[in-house]
PDB file of N, CA and C in Angstrom:
ATOM      1  N   UNK A   1      14.038 -10.341 -33.488  1.00  0.00           N
ATOM      2  CA  UNK A   1      15.081 -11.052 -34.185  1.00  0.00           C
ATOM      3  C   UNK A   1      16.323 -11.153 -33.309  1.00  0.00           C
ATOM      4  N   UNK A   2      16.609 -10.080 -32.563  1.00  0.00           N
ATOM      5  CA  UNK A   2      17.808 -10.074 -31.734  1.00  0.00           C
ATOM      6  C   UNK A   2      17.701 -11.059 -30.575  1.00  0.00           C
ATOM      7  N   UNK A   3      16.500 -11.288 -30.069  1.00  0.00           N
ATOM      8  CA  UNK A   3      16.333 -12.198 -28.931  1.00  0.00           C
ATOM      9  C   UNK A   3      16.547 -13.656 -29.329  1.00  0.00           C
ATOM     10  N   UNK A   4      16.360 -13.994 -30.591  1.00  0.00           N
ATOM     11  CA  UNK A   4      16.539 -15.370 -31.052  1.00  0.00           C
ATOM     12  C   UNK A   4      17.986 -15.705 -31.358  1.00  0.00           C
ATOM     13  N   UNK A   5      18.858 -14.714 -31.397  1.00  0.00           N
ATOM     14  CA  UNK A   5      20.242 -14.941 -31.783  1.00  0.00           C
ATOM     15  C   UNK A   5      20.946 -15.881 -30.816  1.00  0.00           C
ATOM     16  N   UNK A   6      20.683 -15.793 -29.532  1.00  0.00           N
ATOM     17  CA  UNK A   6      21.310 -16.669 -28.550  1.00  0.00           C
ATOM     18  C   UNK A   6      20.911 -18.115 -28.739  1.00  0.00           C
ATOM     19  N   UNK A   7      19.657 -18.363 -29.046  1.00  0.00           N
ATOM     20  CA  UNK A   7      19.177 -19.725 -29.265  1.00  0.00           C
ATOM     21  C   UNK A   7      19.797 -20.312 -30.529  1.00  0.00           C
ATOM     22  N   UNK A   8      19.859 -19.524 -31.584  1.00  0.00           N
ATOM     23  CA  UNK A   8      20.454 -20.002 -32.831  1.00  0.00           C
ATOM     24  C   UNK A   8      21.932 -20.296 -32.635  1.00  0.00           C
ATOM     25  N   UNK A   9      22.635 -19.439 -31.910  1.00  0.00           N
ATOM     26  CA  UNK A   9      24.059 -19.680 -31.633  1.00  0.00           C
ATOM     27  C   UNK A   9      24.241 -20.964 -30.830  1.00  0.00           C
ATOM     28  N   UNK A  10      23.379 -21.205 -29.864  1.00  0.00           N
ATOM     29  CA  UNK A  10      23.460 -22.420 -29.064  1.00  0.00           C
ATOM     30  C   UNK A  10      23.235 -23.657 -29.923  1.00  0.00           C
ATOM     31  N   UNK A  11      22.251 -23.609 -30.820  1.00  0.00           N
ATOM     32  CA  UNK A  11      21.984 -24.742 -31.698  1.00  0.00           C
ATOM     33  C   UNK A  11      23.153 -25.003 -32.646  1.00  0.00           C
ATOM     34  N   UNK A  12      23.752 -23.949 -33.178  1.00  0.00           N
ATOM     35  CA  UNK A  12      24.910 -24.107 -34.061  1.00  0.00           C
ATOM     36  C   UNK A  12      26.085 -24.678 -33.285  1.00  0.00           C
ATOM     37  N   UNK A  13      26.304 -24.198 -32.074  1.00  0.00           N
ATOM     38  CA  UNK A  13      27.394 -24.712 -31.247  1.00  0.00           C
ATOM     39  C   UNK A  13      27.178 -26.189 -30.909  1.00  0.00           C
ATOM     40  N   UNK A  14      25.951 -26.569 -30.609  1.00  0.00           N
ATOM     41  CA  UNK A  14      25.632 -27.969 -30.332  1.00  0.00           C
ATOM     42  C   UNK A  14      25.869 -28.839 -31.565  1.00  0.00           C
ATOM     43  N   UNK A  15      25.477 -28.356 -32.734  1.00  0.00           N
ATOM     44  CA  UNK A  15      25.698 -29.090 -33.971  1.00  0.00           C
ATOM     45  C   UNK A  15      27.194 -29.268 -34.240  1.00  0.00           C
ATOM     46  N   UNK A  16      27.978 -28.220 -34.039  1.00  0.00           N
ATOM     47  CA  UNK A  16      29.425 -28.311 -34.235  1.00  0.00           C
ATOM     48  C   UNK A  16      30.036 -29.308 -33.250  1.00  0.00           C
ATOM     49  N   UNK A  17      29.583 -29.274 -31.997  1.00  0.00           N
ATOM     50  CA  UNK A  17      30.106 -30.214 -30.997  1.00  0.00           C
ATOM     51  C   UNK A  17      29.792 -31.653 -31.392  1.00  0.00           C
ATOM     52  N   UNK A  18      28.589 -31.912 -31.904  1.00  0.00           N
ATOM     53  CA  UNK A  18      28.239 -33.264 -32.339  1.00  0.00           C
ATOM     54  C   UNK A  18      29.074 -33.699 -33.544  1.00  0.00           C
ATOM     55  N   UNK A  19      29.353 -32.775 -34.449  1.00  0.00           N
ATOM     56  CA  UNK A  19      30.197 -33.096 -35.597  1.00  0.00           C
ATOM     57  C   UNK A  19      31.610 -33.434 -35.147  1.00  0.00           C
ATOM     58  N   UNK A  20      32.154 -32.653 -34.206  1.00  0.00           N
ATOM     59  CA  UNK A  20      33.504 -32.914 -33.694  1.00  0.00           C
ATOM     60  C   UNK A  20      33.555 -34.263 -32.975  1.00  0.00           C
ATOM     61  N   UNK A  21      32.552 -34.556 -32.165  1.00  0.00           N
ATOM     62  CA  UNK A  21      32.519 -35.857 -31.488  1.00  0.00           C
ATOM     63  C   UNK A  21      32.451 -37.002 -32.499  1.00  0.00           C
ATOM     64  N   UNK A  22      31.657 -36.845 -33.535  1.00  0.00           N
ATOM     65  CA  UNK A  22      31.575 -37.866 -34.572  1.00  0.00           C
ATOM     66  C   UNK A  22      32.891 -38.025 -35.318  1.00  0.00           C
ATOM     67  N   UNK A  23      33.582 -36.920 -35.544  1.00  0.00           N
ATOM     68  CA  UNK A  23      34.880 -36.978 -36.224  1.00  0.00           C
ATOM     69  C   UNK A  23      35.880 -37.807 -35.423  1.00  0.00           C
ATOM     70  N   UNK A  24      35.846 -37.675 -34.111  1.00  0.00           N
ATOM     71  CA  UNK A  24      36.768 -38.425 -33.256  1.00  0.00           C
ATOM     72  C   UNK A  24      36.242 -39.820 -32.910  1.00  0.00           C
ATOM     73  N   UNK A  25      35.113 -40.203 -33.472  1.00  0.00           N
ATOM     74  CA  UNK A  25      34.607 -41.557 -33.285  1.00  0.00           C
ATOM     75  C   UNK A  25      33.879 -41.784 -31.971  1.00  0.00           C
ATOM     76  N   UNK A  26      33.415 -40.714 -31.351  1.00  0.00           N
ATOM     77  CA  UNK A  26      32.696 -40.840 -30.075  1.00  0.00           C
ATOM     78  C   UNK A  26      31.199 -40.866 -30.367  1.00  0.00           C
ATOM     79  N   UNK A  27      30.539 -41.915 -29.933  1.00  0.00           N
ATOM     80  CA  UNK A  27      29.100 -42.049 -30.125  1.00  0.00           C
ATOM     81  C   UNK A  27      28.390 -41.540 -28.865  1.00  0.00           C
ATOM     82  N   UNK A  28      27.575 -40.531 -29.043  1.00  0.00           N
ATOM     83  CA  UNK A  28      26.829 -39.969 -27.908  1.00  0.00           C
ATOM     84  C   UNK A  28      25.831 -41.003 -27.390  1.00  0.00           C
ATOM     85  N   UNK A  29      25.207 -41.749 -28.287  1.00  0.00           N
ATOM     86  CA  UNK A  29      24.223 -42.760 -27.884  1.00  0.00           C
ATOM     87  C   UNK A  29      24.861 -43.831 -27.008  1.00  0.00           C
ATOM     88  N   UNK A  30      26.025 -44.336 -27.426  1.00  0.00           N
ATOM     89  CA  UNK A  30      26.664 -45.381 -26.612  1.00  0.00           C
ATOM     90  C   UNK A  30      27.188 -44.818 -25.294  1.00  0.00           C
ATOM     91  N   UNK A  31      27.595 -43.549 -25.297  1.00  0.00           N
ATOM     92  CA  UNK A  31      28.060 -42.942 -24.045  1.00  0.00           C
ATOM     93  C   UNK A  31      26.913 -42.792 -23.051  1.00  0.00           C
ATOM     94  N   UNK A  32      25.745 -42.422 -23.557  1.00  0.00           N
ATOM     95  CA  UNK A  32      24.594 -42.244 -22.667  1.00  0.00           C
ATOM     96  C   UNK A  32      24.041 -43.591 -22.220  1.00  0.00           C
ATOM     97  N   UNK A  33      24.085 -44.592 -23.083  1.00  0.00           N
ATOM     98  CA  UNK A  33      23.563 -45.914 -22.734  1.00  0.00           C
ATOM     99  C   UNK A  33      24.533 -46.750 -21.910  1.00  0.00           C
ATOM    100  N   UNK A  34      25.734 -46.253 -21.695  1.00  0.00           N
ATOM    101  CA  UNK A  34      26.733 -46.961 -20.891  1.00  0.00           C
ATOM    102  C   UNK A  34      26.203 -47.149 -19.468  1.00  0.00           C
ATOM    103  N   UNK A  35      26.315 -48.346 -18.888  1.00  0.00           N
ATOM    104  CA  UNK A  35      25.806 -48.573 -17.524  1.00  0.00           C
ATOM    105  C   UNK A  35      26.440 -47.649 -16.482  1.00  0.00           C
ATOM    106  N   UNK A  36      27.719 -47.318 -16.640  1.00  0.00           N
ATOM    107  CA  UNK A  36      28.363 -46.405 -15.686  1.00  0.00           C
ATOM    108  C   UNK A  36      27.753 -45.014 -15.785  1.00  0.00           C
ATOM    109  N   UNK A  37      27.503 -44.565 -17.006  1.00  0.00           N
ATOM    110  CA  UNK A  37      26.867 -43.264 -17.189  1.00  0.00           C
ATOM    111  C   UNK A  37      25.457 -43.274 -16.603  1.00  0.00           C
ATOM    112  N   UNK A  38      24.712 -44.325 -16.846  1.00  0.00           N
ATOM    113  CA  UNK A  38      23.362 -44.433 -16.293  1.00  0.00           C
ATOM    114  C   UNK A  38      23.391 -44.415 -14.766  1.00  0.00           C
ATOM    115  N   UNK A  39      24.358 -45.092 -14.177  1.00  0.00           N
ATOM    116  CA  UNK A  39      24.495 -45.105 -12.722  1.00  0.00           C
ATOM    117  C   UNK A  39      24.817 -43.710 -12.198  1.00  0.00           C
ATOM    118  N   UNK A  40      25.713 -42.996 -12.887  1.00  0.00           N
ATOM    119  CA  UNK A  40      26.062 -41.636 -12.469  1.00  0.00           C
ATOM    120  C   UNK A  40      24.872 -40.694 -12.572  1.00  0.00           C
ATOM    121  N   UNK A  41      24.126 -40.812 -13.673  1.00  0.00           N
ATOM    122  CA  UNK A  41      22.944 -39.964 -13.842  1.00  0.00           C
ATOM    123  C   UNK A  41      21.915 -40.263 -12.758  1.00  0.00           C
ATOM    124  N   UNK A  42      21.723 -41.525 -12.461  1.00  0.00           N
ATOM    125  CA  UNK A  42      20.777 -41.920 -11.422  1.00  0.00           C
ATOM    126  C   UNK A  42      21.204 -41.389 -10.050  1.00  0.00           C
ATOM    127  N   UNK A  43      22.492 -41.468  -9.766  1.00  0.00           N
ATOM    128  CA  UNK A  43      23.017 -40.979  -8.489  1.00  0.00           C
ATOM    129  C   UNK A  43      22.786 -39.475  -8.344  1.00  0.00           C
ATOM    130  N   UNK A  44      23.116 -38.724  -9.387  1.00  0.00           N
ATOM    131  CA  UNK A  44      22.939 -37.265  -9.333  1.00  0.00           C
ATOM    132  C   UNK A  44      21.457 -36.920  -9.252  1.00  0.00           C
ATOM    133  N   UNK A  45      20.611 -37.620 -10.007  1.00  0.00           N
ATOM    134  CA  UNK A  45      19.171 -37.340  -9.980  1.00  0.00           C
ATOM    135  C   UNK A  45      18.583 -37.613  -8.598  1.00  0.00           C
ATOM    136  N   UNK A  46      18.936 -38.738  -8.001  1.00  0.00           N
ATOM    137  CA  UNK A  46      18.429 -39.064  -6.661  1.00  0.00           C
ATOM    138  C   UNK A  46      18.914 -38.051  -5.625  1.00  0.00           C
ATOM    139  N   UNK A  47      20.155 -37.618  -5.755  1.00  0.00           N
ATOM    140  CA  UNK A  47      20.662 -36.582  -4.841  1.00  0.00           C
ATOM    141  C   UNK A  47      19.912 -35.278  -4.996  1.00  0.00           C
ATOM    142  N   UNK A  48      19.630 -34.915  -6.235  1.00  0.00           N
ATOM    143  CA  UNK A  48      18.884 -33.684  -6.496  1.00  0.00           C
ATOM    144  C   UNK A  48      17.475 -33.770  -5.926  1.00  0.00           C
ATOM    145  N   UNK A  49      16.819 -34.915  -6.108  1.00  0.00           N
ATOM    146  CA  UNK A  49      15.467 -35.097  -5.568  1.00  0.00           C
ATOM    147  C   UNK A  49      15.486 -35.036  -4.045  1.00  0.00           C
ATOM    148  N   UNK A  50      16.485 -35.638  -3.419  1.00  0.00           N
ATOM    149  CA  UNK A  50      16.584 -35.598  -1.956  1.00  0.00           C
ATOM    150  C   UNK A  50      16.801 -34.179  -1.452  1.00  0.00           C
ATOM    151  N   UNK A  51      17.652 -33.416  -2.118  1.00  0.00           N
ATOM    152  CA  UNK A  51      17.885 -32.024  -1.708  1.00  0.00           C
ATOM    153  C   UNK A  51      16.600 -31.224  -1.858  1.00  0.00           C
ATOM    154  N   UNK A  52      15.881 -31.430  -2.970  1.00  0.00           N
ATOM    155  CA  UNK A  52      14.623 -30.720  -3.177  1.00  0.00           C
ATOM    156  C   UNK A  52      13.618 -31.079  -2.078  1.00  0.00           C
ATOM    157  N   UNK A  53      13.457 -32.383  -1.824  1.00  0.00           N
ATOM    158  CA  UNK A  53      12.468 -32.822  -0.839  1.00  0.00           C
ATOM    159  C   UNK A  53      12.820 -32.381   0.576  1.00  0.00           C
ATOM    160  N   UNK A  54      14.100 -32.450   0.942  1.00  0.00           N
ATOM    161  CA  UNK A  54      14.500 -32.196   2.325  1.00  0.00           C
ATOM    162  C   UNK A  54      14.734 -30.722   2.639  1.00  0.00           C
ATOM    163  N   UNK A  55      15.180 -29.930   1.657  1.00  0.00           N
ATOM    164  CA  UNK A  55      15.606 -28.567   1.971  1.00  0.00           C
ATOM    165  C   UNK A  55      14.896 -27.481   1.176  1.00  0.00           C
ATOM    166  N   UNK A  56      14.551 -27.718  -0.064  1.00  0.00           N
ATOM    167  CA  UNK A  56      14.091 -26.632  -0.919  1.00  0.00           C
ATOM    168  C   UNK A  56      12.583 -26.582  -1.142  1.00  0.00           C
ATOM    169  N   UNK A  57      11.900 -27.687  -0.986  1.00  0.00           N
ATOM    170  CA  UNK A  57      10.472 -27.725  -1.308  1.00  0.00           C
ATOM    171  C   UNK A  57       9.643 -26.808  -0.410  1.00  0.00           C
ATOM    172  N   UNK A  58       9.881 -26.825   0.888  1.00  0.00           N
ATOM    173  CA  UNK A  58       9.081 -25.998   1.812  1.00  0.00           C
ATOM    174  C   UNK A  58       9.298 -24.507   1.566  1.00  0.00           C
ATOM    175  N   UNK A  59      10.571 -24.015   1.499  1.00  0.00           N
ATOM    176  CA  UNK A  59      10.718 -22.578   1.233  1.00  0.00           C
ATOM    177  C   UNK A  59      10.221 -22.179  -0.154  1.00  0.00           C
ATOM    178  N   UNK A  60      10.415 -23.028  -1.155  1.00  0.00           N
ATOM    179  CA  UNK A  60       9.936 -22.697  -2.498  1.00  0.00           C
ATOM    180  C   UNK A  60       8.410 -22.631  -2.518  1.00  0.00           C
ATOM    181  N   UNK A  61       7.755 -23.542  -1.824  1.00  0.00           N
ATOM    182  CA  UNK A  61       6.296 -23.510  -1.742  1.00  0.00           C
ATOM    183  C   UNK A  61       5.797 -22.270  -1.023  1.00  0.00           C
ATOM    184  N   UNK A  62       6.484 -21.887   0.041  1.00  0.00           N
ATOM    185  CA  UNK A  62       6.111 -20.681   0.789  1.00  0.00           C
ATOM    186  C   UNK A  62       6.244 -19.448  -0.100  1.00  0.00           C
ATOM    187  N   UNK A  63       7.369 -19.338  -0.810  1.00  0.00           N
ATOM    188  CA  UNK A  63       7.581 -18.197  -1.702  1.00  0.00           C
ATOM    189  C   UNK A  63       6.591 -18.214  -2.862  1.00  0.00           C
ATOM    190  N   UNK A  64       6.269 -19.395  -3.373  1.00  0.00           N
ATOM    191  CA  UNK A  64       5.292 -19.498  -4.448  1.00  0.00           C
ATOM    192  C   UNK A  64       3.925 -19.006  -3.990  1.00  0.00           C
ATOM    193  N   UNK A  65       3.517 -19.388  -2.786  1.00  0.00           N
ATOM    194  CA  UNK A  65       2.223 -18.931  -2.268  1.00  0.00           C
ATOM    195  C   UNK A  65       2.198 -17.426  -2.065  1.00  0.00           C
ATOM    196  N   UNK A  66       3.297 -16.850  -1.585  1.00  0.00           N
ATOM    197  CA  UNK A  66       3.372 -15.395  -1.456  1.00  0.00           C
ATOM    198  C   UNK A  66       3.243 -14.745  -2.827  1.00  0.00           C
ATOM    199  N   UNK A  67       3.956 -15.288  -3.823  1.00  0.00           N
ATOM    200  CA  UNK A  67       3.879 -14.746  -5.173  1.00  0.00           C
ATOM    201  C   UNK A  67       2.448 -14.795  -5.707  1.00  0.00           C
ATOM    202  N   UNK A  68       1.790 -15.934  -5.545  1.00  0.00           N
ATOM    203  CA  UNK A  68       0.419 -16.072  -6.059  1.00  0.00           C
ATOM    204  C   UNK A  68      -0.530 -15.138  -5.329  1.00  0.00           C
ATOM    205  N   UNK A  69      -0.458 -15.112  -3.997  1.00  0.00           N
ATOM    206  CA  UNK A  69      -1.404 -14.323  -3.209  1.00  0.00           C
ATOM    207  C   UNK A  69      -1.164 -12.819  -3.300  1.00  0.00           C
ATOM    208  N   UNK A  70       0.096 -12.390  -3.334  1.00  0.00           N
ATOM    209  CA  UNK A  70       0.401 -10.964  -3.224  1.00  0.00           C
ATOM    210  C   UNK A  70       0.767 -10.293  -4.547  1.00  0.00           C
ATOM    211  N   UNK A  71       1.090 -11.086  -5.575  1.00  0.00           N
ATOM    212  CA  UNK A  71       1.496 -10.470  -6.840  1.00  0.00           C
ATOM    213  C   UNK A  71       0.581 -10.918  -7.977  1.00  0.00           C
ATOM    214  N   UNK A  72       0.482 -12.213  -8.206  1.00  0.00           N
ATOM    215  CA  UNK A  72      -0.221 -12.723  -9.386  1.00  0.00           C
ATOM    216  C   UNK A  72      -1.720 -12.427  -9.355  1.00  0.00           C
ATOM    217  N   UNK A  73      -2.386 -12.833  -8.281  1.00  0.00           N
ATOM    218  CA  UNK A  73      -3.835 -12.641  -8.203  1.00  0.00           C
ATOM    219  C   UNK A  73      -4.224 -11.163  -8.227  1.00  0.00           C
ATOM    220  N   UNK A  74      -3.570 -10.283  -7.423  1.00  0.00           N
ATOM    221  CA  UNK A  74      -3.929  -8.863  -7.519  1.00  0.00           C
ATOM    222  C   UNK A  74      -3.631  -8.269  -8.898  1.00  0.00           C
ATOM    223  N   UNK A  75      -2.549  -8.703  -9.534  1.00  0.00           N
ATOM    224  CA  UNK A  75      -2.234  -8.175 -10.863  1.00  0.00           C
ATOM    225  C   UNK A  75      -3.307  -8.575 -11.865  1.00  0.00           C
ATOM    226  N   UNK A  76      -3.736  -9.833 -11.827  1.00  0.00           N
ATOM    227  CA  UNK A  76      -4.799 -10.267 -12.738  1.00  0.00           C
ATOM    228  C   UNK A  76      -6.103  -9.526 -12.464  1.00  0.00           C
ATOM    229  N   UNK A  77      -6.419  -9.352 -11.189  1.00  0.00           N
ATOM    230  CA  UNK A  77      -7.644  -8.616 -10.841  1.00  0.00           C
ATOM    231  C   UNK A  77      -7.581  -7.188 -11.364  1.00  0.00           C
ATOM    232  N   UNK A  78      -6.425  -6.534 -11.216  1.00  0.00           N
ATOM    233  CA  UNK A  78      -6.285  -5.164 -11.695  1.00  0.00           C
ATOM    234  C   UNK A  78      -6.322  -5.095 -13.218  1.00  0.00           C
ATOM    235  N   UNK A  79      -5.743  -6.076 -13.900  1.00  0.00           N
ATOM    236  CA  UNK A  79      -5.821  -6.081 -15.356  1.00  0.00           C
ATOM    237  C   UNK A  79      -7.261  -6.247 -15.835  1.00  0.00           C
ATOM    238  N   UNK A  80      -8.029  -7.077 -15.141  1.00  0.00           N
ATOM    239  CA  UNK A  80      -9.445  -7.237 -15.489  1.00  0.00           C
ATOM    240  C   UNK A  80     -10.194  -5.935 -15.232  1.00  0.00           C
ATOM    241  N   UNK A  81      -9.898  -5.265 -14.106  1.00  0.00           N
ATOM    242  CA  UNK A  81     -10.543  -3.980 -13.813  1.00  0.00           C
ATOM    243  C   UNK A  81     -10.204  -2.938 -14.873  1.00  0.00           C
ATOM    244  N   UNK A  82      -8.939  -2.882 -15.282  1.00  0.00           N
ATOM    245  CA  UNK A  82      -8.529  -1.913 -16.299  1.00  0.00           C
ATOM    246  C   UNK A  82      -9.215  -2.226 -17.625  1.00  0.00           C
ATOM    247  N   UNK A  83      -9.305  -3.504 -17.971  1.00  0.00           N
ATOM    248  CA  UNK A  83      -9.971  -3.904 -19.214  1.00  0.00           C
ATOM    249  C   UNK A  83     -11.434  -3.493 -19.198  1.00  0.00           C
ATOM    250  N   UNK A  84     -12.063  -3.560 -18.016  1.00  0.00           N
ATOM    251  CA  UNK A  84     -13.471  -3.185 -17.883  1.00  0.00           C
ATOM    252  C   UNK A  84     -13.665  -1.696 -17.659  1.00  0.00           C
ATOM    253  N   UNK A  85     -12.592  -0.911 -17.746  1.00  0.00           N
ATOM    254  CA  UNK A  85     -12.702   0.534 -17.599  1.00  0.00           C
ATOM    255  C   UNK A  85     -12.738   1.013 -16.167  1.00  0.00           C
ATOM    256  N   UNK A  86     -12.369   0.191 -15.210  1.00  0.00           N
ATOM    257  CA  UNK A  86     -12.364   0.580 -13.807  1.00  0.00           C
ATOM    258  C   UNK A  86     -10.943   0.910 -13.363  1.00  0.00           C
ATOM    259  N   UNK A  87     -10.845   1.566 -12.230  1.00  0.00           N
ATOM    260  CA  UNK A  87      -9.536   1.889 -11.669  1.00  0.00           C
ATOM    261  C   UNK A  87      -8.964   0.659 -10.961  1.00  0.00           C
ATOM    262  N   UNK A  88      -7.637   0.493 -11.014  1.00  0.00           N
ATOM    263  CA  UNK A  88      -7.030  -0.603 -10.258  1.00  0.00           C
ATOM    264  C   UNK A  88      -7.216  -0.386  -8.762  1.00  0.00           C
ATOM    265  N   UNK A  89      -7.281  -1.484  -8.020  1.00  0.00           N
ATOM    266  CA  UNK A  89      -7.443  -1.379  -6.567  1.00  0.00           C
ATOM    267  C   UNK A  89      -6.124  -1.775  -5.900  1.00  0.00           C
ATOM    268  N   UNK A  90      -5.799  -1.145  -4.772  1.00  0.00           N
ATOM    269  CA  UNK A  90      -4.559  -1.510  -4.081  1.00  0.00           C
ATOM    270  C   UNK A  90      -4.689  -2.878  -3.414  1.00  0.00           C
ATOM    271  N   UNK A  91      -3.556  -3.506  -3.184  1.00  0.00           N
ATOM    272  CA  UNK A  91      -3.528  -4.818  -2.532  1.00  0.00           C
ATOM    273  C   UNK A  91      -3.735  -4.620  -1.034  1.00  0.00           C
ATOM    274  N   UNK A  92      -4.895  -5.047  -0.549  1.00  0.00           N
ATOM    275  CA  UNK A  92      -5.173  -4.932   0.885  1.00  0.00           C
ATOM    276  C   UNK A  92      -5.077  -6.277   1.581  1.00  0.00           C
ATOM    277  N   UNK A  93      -4.850  -7.339   0.814  1.00  0.00           N
ATOM    278  CA  UNK A  93      -4.717  -8.678   1.388  1.00  0.00           C
ATOM    279  C   UNK A  93      -3.245  -9.064   1.410  1.00  0.00           C
ATOM    280  N   UNK A  94      -2.926 -10.007   2.266  1.00  0.00           N
ATOM    281  CA  UNK A  94      -1.578 -10.560   2.254  1.00  0.00           C
ATOM    282  C   UNK A  94      -0.563  -9.670   2.918  1.00  0.00           C
ATOM    283  N   UNK A  95       0.682  -9.868   2.555  1.00  0.00           N
ATOM    284  CA  UNK A  95       1.795  -9.145   3.164  1.00  0.00           C
ATOM    285  C   UNK A  95       1.903  -7.751   2.597  1.00  0.00           C
ATOM    286  N   UNK A  96       2.118  -6.793   3.464  1.00  0.00           N
ATOM    287  CA  UNK A  96       2.296  -5.408   3.051  1.00  0.00           C
ATOM    288  C   UNK A  96       3.751  -5.011   3.273  1.00  0.00           C
ATOM    289  N   UNK A  97       4.270  -4.246   2.335  1.00  0.00           N
ATOM    290  CA  UNK A  97       5.625  -3.748   2.498  1.00  0.00           C
ATOM    291  C   UNK A  97       5.638  -2.655   3.554  1.00  0.00           C
ATOM    292  N   UNK A  98       6.708  -2.557   4.344  1.00  0.00           N
ATOM    293  CA  UNK A  98       6.773  -1.482   5.337  1.00  0.00           C
ATOM    294  C   UNK A  98       6.879  -0.120   4.651  1.00  0.00           C
ATOM    295  N   UNK A  99       6.301   0.912   5.295  1.00  0.00           N
ATOM    296  CA  UNK A  99       6.398   2.255   4.734  1.00  0.00           C
ATOM    297  C   UNK A  99       7.742   2.871   5.115  1.00  0.00           C
ATOM    298  N   UNK A 100       8.333   3.636   4.202  1.00  0.00           N
ATOM    299  CA  UNK A 100       9.596   4.314   4.536  1.00  0.00           C
ATOM    300  C   UNK A 100       9.332   5.409   5.563  1.00  0.00           C
ATOM    301  N   UNK A 101      10.272   5.585   6.466  1.00  0.00           N
ATOM    302  CA  UNK A 101      10.085   6.603   7.524  1.00  0.00           C
ATOM    303  C   UNK A 101      11.105   7.682   7.408  1.00  0.00           C
TER     304      UNK A 101
END
């Protein structure tokens, strides 16, 4: 119940904001459909896509592959082993953390 409180507060705050905008005569639909707003949204979206394609996609893909190979797959394998009554096996594939000296 406590974890849902933030979502409910956000929904109530959004509802209050829409009521206040309506009170002042501001139409959210007309603001979003405005050609200037559409142009601004398009500009920001294209910039975001370019940043993702040019700078973030390669490192994110590399980190995702490390996560899948070194964390997700071994964790699933160990959960299956535990479910079948076997002992978990250590991760012998992929990147190994250095030992403390």
